[in-house]
PDB file of N, CA and C in Angstrom:
ATOM      1  N   MET A   1      33.670 -25.751  13.856  1.00  0.00           N
ATOM      2  CA  MET A   1      32.572 -24.844  13.690  1.00  0.00           C
ATOM      3  C   MET A   1      33.013 -23.696  12.792  1.00  0.00           C
ATOM      4  N   THR A   2      32.024 -23.094  12.133  1.00  0.00           N
ATOM      5  CA  THR A   2      32.304 -21.995  11.216  1.00  0.00           C
ATOM      6  C   THR A   2      31.302 -20.871  11.434  1.00  0.00           C
ATOM      7  N   ALA A   3      31.785 -19.642  11.508  1.00  0.00           N
ATOM      8  CA  ALA A   3      30.939 -18.456  11.539  1.00  0.00           C
ATOM      9  C   ALA A   3      30.987 -17.850  10.141  1.00  0.00           C
ATOM     10  N   VAL A   4      29.814 -17.620   9.544  1.00  0.00           N
ATOM     11  CA  VAL A   4      29.742 -17.101   8.177  1.00  0.00           C
ATOM     12  C   VAL A   4      29.234 -15.669   8.231  1.00  0.00           C
ATOM     13  N   LEU A   5      29.971 -14.749   7.616  1.00  0.00           N
ATOM     14  CA  LEU A   5      29.570 -13.342   7.502  1.00  0.00           C
ATOM     15  C   LEU A   5      29.276 -13.059   6.042  1.00  0.00           C
ATOM     16  N   GLY A   6      28.082 -12.537   5.781  1.00  0.00           N
ATOM     17  CA  GLY A   6      27.711 -12.234   4.411  1.00  0.00           C
ATOM     18  C   GLY A   6      26.731 -11.086   4.368  1.00  0.00           C
ATOM     19  N   PRO A   7      26.054 -10.917   3.250  1.00  0.00           N
ATOM     20  CA  PRO A   7      25.076  -9.833   3.115  1.00  0.00           C
ATOM     21  C   PRO A   7      23.940  -9.990   4.121  1.00  0.00           C
ATOM     22  N   LEU A   8      23.207  -8.902   4.331  1.00  0.00           N
ATOM     23  CA  LEU A   8      22.072  -8.939   5.254  1.00  0.00           C
ATOM     24  C   LEU A   8      21.051  -9.963   4.802  1.00  0.00           C
ATOM     25  N   ALA A   9      20.374 -10.544   5.776  1.00  0.00           N
ATOM     26  CA  ALA A   9      19.376 -11.573   5.482  1.00  0.00           C
ATOM     27  C   ALA A   9      18.161 -10.964   4.788  1.00  0.00           C
ATOM     28  N   THR A  10      17.545 -11.727   3.903  1.00  0.00           N
ATOM     29  CA  THR A  10      16.335 -11.265   3.227  1.00  0.00           C
ATOM     30  C   THR A  10      15.084 -11.801   3.900  1.00  0.00           C
ATOM     31  N   TYR A  11      15.239 -12.668   4.895  1.00  0.00           N
ATOM     32  CA  TYR A  11      14.109 -13.205   5.652  1.00  0.00           C
ATOM     33  C   TYR A  11      14.587 -13.483   7.071  1.00  0.00           C
ATOM     34  N   ALA A  12      13.630 -13.636   7.976  1.00  0.00           N
ATOM     35  CA  ALA A  12      13.967 -13.860   9.385  1.00  0.00           C
ATOM     36  C   ALA A  12      14.528 -15.263   9.572  1.00  0.00           C
ATOM     37  N   GLU A  13      15.673 -15.337  10.166  1.00  0.00           N
ATOM     38  CA  GLU A  13      16.325 -16.616  10.460  1.00  0.00           C
ATOM     39  C   GLU A  13      16.711 -16.587  11.930  1.00  0.00           C
ATOM     40  N   PRO A  14      16.191 -17.522  12.737  1.00  0.00           N
ATOM     41  CA  PRO A  14      16.435 -17.446  14.183  1.00  0.00           C
ATOM     42  C   PRO A  14      17.899 -17.605  14.594  1.00  0.00           C
ATOM     43  N   HIS A  15      18.734 -18.163  13.743  1.00  0.00           N
ATOM     44  CA  HIS A  15      20.131 -18.393  14.116  1.00  0.00           C
ATOM     45  C   HIS A  15      21.083 -17.443  13.394  1.00  0.00           C
ATOM     46  N   ALA A  16      20.540 -16.369  12.814  1.00  0.00           N
ATOM     47  CA  ALA A  16      21.368 -15.403  12.099  1.00  0.00           C
ATOM     48  C   ALA A  16      21.176 -14.026  12.722  1.00  0.00           C
ATOM     49  N   TYR A  17      22.217 -13.220  12.681  1.00  0.00           N
ATOM     50  CA  TYR A  17      22.175 -11.885  13.265  1.00  0.00           C
ATOM     51  C   TYR A  17      22.710 -10.895  12.243  1.00  0.00           C
ATOM     52  N   ASP A  18      22.006  -9.771  12.066  1.00  0.00           N
ATOM     53  CA  ASP A  18      22.463  -8.738  11.151  1.00  0.00           C
ATOM     54  C   ASP A  18      23.411  -7.802  11.883  1.00  0.00           C
ATOM     55  N   LEU A  19      24.553  -7.519  11.272  1.00  0.00           N
ATOM     56  CA  LEU A  19      25.549  -6.622  11.840  1.00  0.00           C
ATOM     57  C   LEU A  19      25.833  -5.490  10.855  1.00  0.00           C
ATOM     58  N   CYS A  20      26.128  -4.301  11.390  1.00  0.00           N
ATOM     59  CA  CYS A  20      26.538  -3.198  10.525  1.00  0.00           C
ATOM     60  C   CYS A  20      27.973  -3.464  10.047  1.00  0.00           C
ATOM     61  N   ASP A  21      28.423  -2.640   9.094  1.00  0.00           N
ATOM     62  CA  ASP A  21      29.770  -2.823   8.529  1.00  0.00           C
ATOM     63  C   ASP A  21      30.859  -2.742   9.598  1.00  0.00           C
ATOM     64  N   VAL A  22      30.729  -1.776  10.504  1.00  0.00           N
ATOM     65  CA  VAL A  22      31.760  -1.586  11.532  1.00  0.00           C
ATOM     66  C   VAL A  22      31.874  -2.824  12.420  1.00  0.00           C
ATOM     67  N   HIS A  23      30.743  -3.329  12.885  1.00  0.00           N
ATOM     68  CA  HIS A  23      30.783  -4.480  13.786  1.00  0.00           C
ATOM     69  C   HIS A  23      31.139  -5.776  13.057  1.00  0.00           C
ATOM     70  N   SER A  24      30.739  -5.893  11.796  1.00  0.00           N
ATOM     71  CA  SER A  24      31.098  -7.124  11.073  1.00  0.00           C
ATOM     72  C   SER A  24      32.609  -7.192  10.830  1.00  0.00           C
ATOM     73  N   GLU A  25      33.261  -6.033  10.652  1.00  0.00           N
ATOM     74  CA  GLU A  25      34.712  -6.019  10.479  1.00  0.00           C
ATOM     75  C   GLU A  25      35.436  -6.389  11.770  1.00  0.00           C
ATOM     76  N   ARG A  26      34.845  -6.048  12.917  1.00  0.00           N
ATOM     77  CA  ARG A  26      35.490  -6.303  14.211  1.00  0.00           C
ATOM     78  C   ARG A  26      35.116  -7.655  14.808  1.00  0.00           C
ATOM     79  N   LEU A  27      34.256  -8.411  14.118  1.00  0.00           N
ATOM     80  CA  LEU A  27      33.805  -9.696  14.654  1.00  0.00           C
ATOM     81  C   LEU A  27      34.960 -10.681  14.754  1.00  0.00           C
ATOM     82  N   SER A  28      35.023 -11.368  15.872  1.00  0.00           N
ATOM     83  CA  SER A  28      35.980 -12.463  16.015  1.00  0.00           C
ATOM     84  C   SER A  28      35.212 -13.678  16.514  1.00  0.00           C
ATOM     85  N   ALA A  29      35.648 -14.827  16.104  1.00  0.00           N
ATOM     86  CA  ALA A  29      34.980 -16.069  16.488  1.00  0.00           C
ATOM     87  C   ALA A  29      35.752 -16.716  17.640  1.00  0.00           C
ATOM     88  N   PRO A  30      35.102 -17.603  18.372  1.00  0.00           N
ATOM     89  CA  PRO A  30      35.808 -18.309  19.447  1.00  0.00           C
ATOM     90  C   PRO A  30      36.998 -19.107  18.922  1.00  0.00           C
ATOM     91  N   ARG A  31      37.935 -19.388  19.791  1.00  0.00           N
ATOM     92  CA  ARG A  31      39.135 -20.146  19.426  1.00  0.00           C
ATOM     93  C   ARG A  31      38.718 -21.492  18.824  1.00  0.00           C
ATOM     94  N   GLY A  32      39.325 -21.827  17.711  1.00  0.00           N
ATOM     95  CA  GLY A  32      39.021 -23.090  17.044  1.00  0.00           C
ATOM     96  C   GLY A  32      37.963 -22.957  15.959  1.00  0.00           C
ATOM     97  N   TRP A  33      37.286 -21.835  15.885  1.00  0.00           N
ATOM     98  CA  TRP A  33      36.271 -21.613  14.852  1.00  0.00           C
ATOM     99  C   TRP A  33      36.920 -20.977  13.641  1.00  0.00           C
ATOM    100  N   ASP A  34      36.338 -21.217  12.473  1.00  0.00           N
ATOM    101  CA  ASP A  34      36.760 -20.560  11.245  1.00  0.00           C
ATOM    102  C   ASP A  34      35.765 -19.446  10.945  1.00  0.00           C
ATOM    103  N   VAL A  35      36.246 -18.342  10.384  1.00  0.00           N
ATOM    104  CA  VAL A  35      35.379 -17.238   9.963  1.00  0.00           C
ATOM    105  C   VAL A  35      35.406 -17.184   8.447  1.00  0.00           C
ATOM    106  N   LEU A  36      34.255 -17.339   7.839  1.00  0.00           N
ATOM    107  CA  LEU A  36      34.114 -17.282   6.390  1.00  0.00           C
ATOM    108  C   LEU A  36      33.404 -15.977   6.052  1.00  0.00           C
ATOM    109  N   ARG A  37      34.095 -15.066   5.365  1.00  0.00           N
ATOM    110  CA  ARG A  37      33.524 -13.764   5.010  1.00  0.00           C
ATOM    111  C   ARG A  37      33.128 -13.790   3.539  1.00  0.00           C
ATOM    112  N   LEU A  38      31.834 -13.663   3.276  1.00  0.00           N
ATOM    113  CA  LEU A  38      31.319 -13.649   1.909  1.00  0.00           C
ATOM    114  C   LEU A  38      31.219 -12.202   1.443  1.00  0.00           C
ATOM    115  N   ALA A  39      31.773 -11.915   0.285  1.00  0.00           N
ATOM    116  CA  ALA A  39      31.696 -10.562  -0.263  1.00  0.00           C
ATOM    117  C   ALA A  39      30.291 -10.322  -0.812  1.00  0.00           C
ATOM    118  N   PRO A  40      29.703  -9.175  -0.503  1.00  0.00           N
ATOM    119  CA  PRO A  40      28.363  -8.881  -1.044  1.00  0.00           C
ATOM    120  C   PRO A  40      28.408  -8.693  -2.556  1.00  0.00           C
ATOM    121  N   ASP A  41      27.326  -9.018  -3.203  1.00  0.00           N
ATOM    122  CA  ASP A  41      27.211  -8.862  -4.652  1.00  0.00           C
ATOM    123  C   ASP A  41      27.025  -7.373  -4.955  1.00  0.00           C
ATOM    124  N   PRO A  42      27.940  -6.732  -5.680  1.00  0.00           N
ATOM    125  CA  PRO A  42      27.815  -5.291  -5.932  1.00  0.00           C
ATOM    126  C   PRO A  42      26.587  -4.936  -6.758  1.00  0.00           C
ATOM    127  N   ARG A  43      26.062  -5.867  -7.547  1.00  0.00           N
ATOM    128  CA  ARG A  43      24.861  -5.605  -8.353  1.00  0.00           C
ATOM    129  C   ARG A  43      23.599  -5.606  -7.503  1.00  0.00           C
ATOM    130  N   ALA A  44      23.669  -6.173  -6.300  1.00  0.00           N
ATOM    131  CA  ALA A  44      22.488  -6.289  -5.445  1.00  0.00           C
ATOM    132  C   ALA A  44      22.374  -5.114  -4.468  1.00  0.00           C
ATOM    133  N   GLY A  45      23.050  -4.006  -4.752  1.00  0.00           N
ATOM    134  CA  GLY A  45      23.072  -2.885  -3.830  1.00  0.00           C
ATOM    135  C   GLY A  45      21.756  -2.143  -3.707  1.00  0.00           C
ATOM    136  N   GLY A  46      21.004  -2.036  -4.768  1.00  0.00           N
ATOM    137  CA  GLY A  46      19.775  -1.250  -4.742  1.00  0.00           C
ATOM    138  C   GLY A  46      18.539  -2.119  -4.817  1.00  0.00           C
ATOM    139  N   PRO A  47      17.388  -1.474  -4.774  1.00  0.00           N
ATOM    140  CA  PRO A  47      16.137  -2.232  -4.861  1.00  0.00           C
ATOM    141  C   PRO A  47      15.958  -2.844  -6.250  1.00  0.00           C
ATOM    142  N   THR A  48      15.305  -3.975  -6.292  1.00  0.00           N
ATOM    143  CA  THR A  48      15.041  -4.634  -7.563  1.00  0.00           C
ATOM    144  C   THR A  48      13.740  -4.101  -8.152  1.00  0.00           C
ATOM    145  N   THR A  49      13.464  -4.470  -9.372  1.00  0.00           N
ATOM    146  CA  THR A  49      12.210  -4.078 -10.012  1.00  0.00           C
ATOM    147  C   THR A  49      11.027  -4.626  -9.229  1.00  0.00           C
ATOM    148  N   ASP A  50      11.141  -5.852  -8.729  1.00  0.00           N
ATOM    149  CA  ASP A  50      10.067  -6.438  -7.930  1.00  0.00           C
ATOM    150  C   ASP A  50       9.819  -5.632  -6.657  1.00  0.00           C
ATOM    151  N   ASP A  51      10.884  -5.154  -6.013  1.00  0.00           N
ATOM    152  CA  ASP A  51      10.735  -4.335  -4.811  1.00  0.00           C
ATOM    153  C   ASP A  51       9.975  -3.054  -5.119  1.00  0.00           C
ATOM    154  N   LEU A  52      10.331  -2.397  -6.206  1.00  0.00           N
ATOM    155  CA  LEU A  52       9.691  -1.136  -6.567  1.00  0.00           C
ATOM    156  C   LEU A  52       8.230  -1.342  -6.949  1.00  0.00           C
ATOM    157  N   LEU A  53       7.936  -2.428  -7.670  1.00  0.00           N
ATOM    158  CA  LEU A  53       6.544  -2.710  -8.035  1.00  0.00           C
ATOM    159  C   LEU A  53       5.709  -3.035  -6.801  1.00  0.00           C
ATOM    160  N   ALA A  54       6.263  -3.780  -5.861  1.00  0.00           N
ATOM    161  CA  ALA A  54       5.538  -4.103  -4.630  1.00  0.00           C
ATOM    162  C   ALA A  54       5.266  -2.835  -3.826  1.00  0.00           C
ATOM    163  N   LEU A  55       6.213  -1.925  -3.774  1.00  0.00           N
ATOM    164  CA  LEU A  55       6.019  -0.663  -3.074  1.00  0.00           C
ATOM    165  C   LEU A  55       4.944   0.177  -3.756  1.00  0.00           C
ATOM    166  N   ALA A  56       4.963   0.249  -5.073  1.00  0.00           N
ATOM    167  CA  ALA A  56       3.949   1.006  -5.806  1.00  0.00           C
ATOM    168  C   ALA A  56       2.560   0.413  -5.584  1.00  0.00           C
ATOM    169  N   ASP A  57       2.448  -0.908  -5.587  1.00  0.00           N
ATOM    170  CA  ASP A  57       1.157  -1.553  -5.331  1.00  0.00           C
ATOM    171  C   ASP A  57       0.656  -1.247  -3.927  1.00  0.00           C
ATOM    172  N   ALA A  58       1.545  -1.244  -2.939  1.00  0.00           N
ATOM    173  CA  ALA A  58       1.152  -0.945  -1.561  1.00  0.00           C
ATOM    174  C   ALA A  58       0.671   0.494  -1.427  1.00  0.00           C
ATOM    175  N   VAL A  59       1.334   1.422  -2.112  1.00  0.00           N
ATOM    176  CA  VAL A  59       0.912   2.827  -2.064  1.00  0.00           C
ATOM    177  C   VAL A  59      -0.447   2.992  -2.728  1.00  0.00           C
ATOM    178  N   ARG A  60      -0.650   2.347  -3.869  1.00  0.00           N
ATOM    179  CA  ARG A  60      -1.959   2.422  -4.540  1.00  0.00           C
ATOM    180  C   ARG A  60      -3.065   1.862  -3.658  1.00  0.00           C
ATOM    181  N   GLU A  61      -2.796   0.746  -3.009  1.00  0.00           N
ATOM    182  CA  GLU A  61      -3.796   0.116  -2.130  1.00  0.00           C
ATOM    183  C   GLU A  61      -4.128   1.020  -0.947  1.00  0.00           C
ATOM    184  N   ALA A  62      -3.128   1.652  -0.369  1.00  0.00           N
ATOM    185  CA  ALA A  62      -3.362   2.537   0.779  1.00  0.00           C
ATOM    186  C   ALA A  62      -4.134   3.788   0.370  1.00  0.00           C
ATOM    187  N   ALA A  63      -3.956   4.253  -0.865  1.00  0.00           N
ATOM    188  CA  ALA A  63      -4.626   5.466  -1.323  1.00  0.00           C
ATOM    189  C   ALA A  63      -6.045   5.209  -1.817  1.00  0.00           C
ATOM    190  N   ARG A  64      -6.397   3.953  -2.037  1.00  0.00           N
ATOM    191  CA  ARG A  64      -7.730   3.622  -2.549  1.00  0.00           C
ATOM    192  C   ARG A  64      -8.786   3.942  -1.490  1.00  0.00           C
ATOM    193  N   PRO A  65      -9.878   4.644  -1.874  1.00  0.00           N
ATOM    194  CA  PRO A  65     -10.925   4.949  -0.884  1.00  0.00           C
ATOM    195  C   PRO A  65     -11.631   3.677  -0.426  1.00  0.00           C
ATOM    196  N   LEU A  66     -12.113   3.717   0.806  1.00  0.00           N
ATOM    197  CA  LEU A  66     -12.827   2.564   1.360  1.00  0.00           C
ATOM    198  C   LEU A  66     -14.166   2.402   0.669  1.00  0.00           C
ATOM    199  N   PRO A  67     -14.578   1.167   0.376  1.00  0.00           N
ATOM    200  CA  PRO A  67     -15.921   0.954  -0.165  1.00  0.00           C
ATOM    201  C   PRO A  67     -16.966   1.326   0.888  1.00  0.00           C
ATOM    202  N   VAL A  68     -18.163   1.640   0.429  1.00  0.00           N
ATOM    203  CA  VAL A  68     -19.227   2.068   1.336  1.00  0.00           C
ATOM    204  C   VAL A  68     -19.494   1.013   2.397  1.00  0.00           C
ATOM    205  N   SER A  69     -19.423  -0.268   2.037  1.00  0.00           N
ATOM    206  CA  SER A  69     -19.707  -1.331   3.008  1.00  0.00           C
ATOM    207  C   SER A  69     -18.645  -1.411   4.100  1.00  0.00           C
ATOM    208  N   ALA A  70     -17.432  -0.909   3.844  1.00  0.00           N
ATOM    209  CA  ALA A  70     -16.363  -0.980   4.835  1.00  0.00           C
ATOM    210  C   ALA A  70     -16.248   0.295   5.667  1.00  0.00           C
ATOM    211  N   ALA A  71     -17.054   1.298   5.332  1.00  0.00           N
ATOM    212  CA  ALA A  71     -17.014   2.550   6.083  1.00  0.00           C
ATOM    213  C   ALA A  71     -17.528   2.307   7.497  1.00  0.00           C
ATOM    214  N   PRO A  72     -17.043   3.057   8.476  1.00  0.00           N
ATOM    215  CA  PRO A  72     -17.516   2.872   9.853  1.00  0.00           C
ATOM    216  C   PRO A  72     -19.014   3.108   9.958  1.00  0.00           C
ATOM    217  N   ARG A  73     -19.688   2.239  10.700  1.00  0.00           N
ATOM    218  CA  ARG A  73     -21.135   2.349  10.868  1.00  0.00           C
ATOM    219  C   ARG A  73     -21.450   3.036  12.186  1.00  0.00           C
ATOM    220  N   ALA A  74     -22.629   3.592  12.232  1.00  0.00           N
ATOM    221  CA  ALA A  74     -23.099   4.204  13.482  1.00  0.00           C
ATOM    222  C   ALA A  74     -23.295   3.092  14.510  1.00  0.00           C
ATOM    223  N   PRO A  75     -23.040   3.371  15.785  1.00  0.00           N
ATOM    224  CA  PRO A  75     -23.210   2.326  16.787  1.00  0.00           C
ATOM    225  C   PRO A  75     -24.659   1.860  16.858  1.00  0.00           C
ATOM    226  N   GLU A  76     -24.798   0.551  17.087  1.00  0.00           N
ATOM    227  CA  GLU A  76     -26.138  -0.007  17.210  1.00  0.00           C
ATOM    228  C   GLU A  76     -26.743   0.425  18.532  1.00  0.00           C
ATOM    229  N   SER A  77     -28.063   0.412  18.561  1.00  0.00           N
ATOM    230  CA  SER A  77     -28.712   0.833  19.801  1.00  0.00           C
ATOM    231  C   SER A  77     -28.433  -0.203  20.879  1.00  0.00           C
ATOM    232  N   GLY A  78     -28.259   0.248  22.072  1.00  0.00           N
ATOM    233  CA  GLY A  78     -27.968  -0.618  23.192  1.00  0.00           C
ATOM    234  C   GLY A  78     -27.673   0.223  24.414  1.00  0.00           C
ATOM    235  N   ARG A  79     -27.634  -0.422  25.539  1.00  0.00           N
ATOM    236  CA  ARG A  79     -27.393   0.280  26.791  1.00  0.00           C
ATOM    237  C   ARG A  79     -25.970  -0.049  27.244  1.00  0.00           C
ATOM    238  N   GLU A  80     -25.223   1.012  27.601  1.00  0.00           N
ATOM    239  CA  GLU A  80     -23.850   0.820  28.056  1.00  0.00           C
ATOM    240  C   GLU A  80     -23.874   0.290  29.478  1.00  0.00           C
ATOM    241  N   VAL A  81     -23.199  -0.847  29.702  1.00  0.00           N
ATOM    242  CA  VAL A  81     -23.177  -1.434  31.047  1.00  0.00           C
ATOM    243  C   VAL A  81     -21.794  -1.389  31.676  1.00  0.00           C
ATOM    244  N   ALA A  82     -20.758  -1.191  30.871  1.00  0.00           N
ATOM    245  CA  ALA A  82     -19.400  -1.111  31.420  1.00  0.00           C
ATOM    246  C   ALA A  82     -18.529  -0.346  30.449  1.00  0.00           C
ATOM    247  N   ARG A  83     -17.451   0.224  30.983  1.00  0.00           N
ATOM    248  CA  ARG A  83     -16.508   0.978  30.152  1.00  0.00           C
ATOM    249  C   ARG A  83     -15.111   0.827  30.748  1.00  0.00           C
ATOM    250  N   LYS A  84     -14.139   0.614  29.875  1.00  0.00           N
ATOM    251  CA  LYS A  84     -12.738   0.575  30.302  1.00  0.00           C
ATOM    252  C   LYS A  84     -11.935   1.277  29.224  1.00  0.00           C
ATOM    253  N   GLY A  85     -11.478   2.483  29.529  1.00  0.00           N
ATOM    254  CA  GLY A  85     -10.771   3.274  28.531  1.00  0.00           C
ATOM    255  C   GLY A  85     -11.702   3.613  27.390  1.00  0.00           C
ATOM    256  N   HIS A  86     -11.292   3.316  26.177  1.00  0.00           N
ATOM    257  CA  HIS A  86     -12.128   3.604  25.009  1.00  0.00           C
ATOM    258  C   HIS A  86     -13.057   2.442  24.656  1.00  0.00           C
ATOM    259  N   LEU A  87     -13.017   1.361  25.398  1.00  0.00           N
ATOM    260  CA  LEU A  87     -13.868   0.196  25.134  1.00  0.00           C
ATOM    261  C   LEU A  87     -15.151   0.296  25.931  1.00  0.00           C
ATOM    262  N   ARG A  88     -16.256  -0.103  25.299  1.00  0.00           N
ATOM    263  CA  ARG A  88     -17.539  -0.087  25.985  1.00  0.00           C
ATOM    264  C   ARG A  88     -18.209  -1.445  25.837  1.00  0.00           C
ATOM    265  N   MET A  89     -18.960  -1.860  26.842  1.00  0.00           N
ATOM    266  CA  MET A  89     -19.761  -3.068  26.753  1.00  0.00           C
ATOM    267  C   MET A  89     -21.218  -2.637  26.693  1.00  0.00           C
ATOM    268  N   LEU A  90     -21.899  -3.087  25.640  1.00  0.00           N
ATOM    269  CA  LEU A  90     -23.297  -2.727  25.438  1.00  0.00           C
ATOM    270  C   LEU A  90     -24.165  -3.965  25.528  1.00  0.00           C
ATOM    271  N   THR A  91     -25.394  -3.758  25.974  1.00  0.00           N
ATOM    272  CA  THR A  91     -26.377  -4.831  25.954  1.00  0.00           C
ATOM    273  C   THR A  91     -27.515  -4.396  25.047  1.00  0.00           C
ATOM    274  N   THR A  92     -28.106  -5.338  24.392  1.00  0.00           N
ATOM    275  CA  THR A  92     -29.275  -5.014  23.578  1.00  0.00           C
ATOM    276  C   THR A  92     -30.498  -5.226  24.415  1.00  0.00           C
ATOM    277  N   ASP A  93     -31.436  -4.332  24.288  1.00  0.00           N
ATOM    278  CA  ASP A  93     -32.675  -4.415  25.084  1.00  0.00           C
ATOM    279  C   ASP A  93     -33.728  -5.225  24.386  1.00  0.00           C
TER     280      ASP A  93
END
């Protein structure tokens, strides 16, 4: 068996665990296992152009005003028959 230590994962992997530098240095594998330590790519230290563009797009989208059709509407007429916290059950007459 082999335990592989490398850069942080870029996607969720159920059989992988992210460790900080301190804990990755202190990691030991069970007897009989090999530990393969992959050196991180020094060029991959910062965000990429794609990361920055995706962040800028998300900020623009969040700052965009809601269209009139998506604005909250006034509640429809109805009679309240039950309430639990902030939720209400209404019936139409």
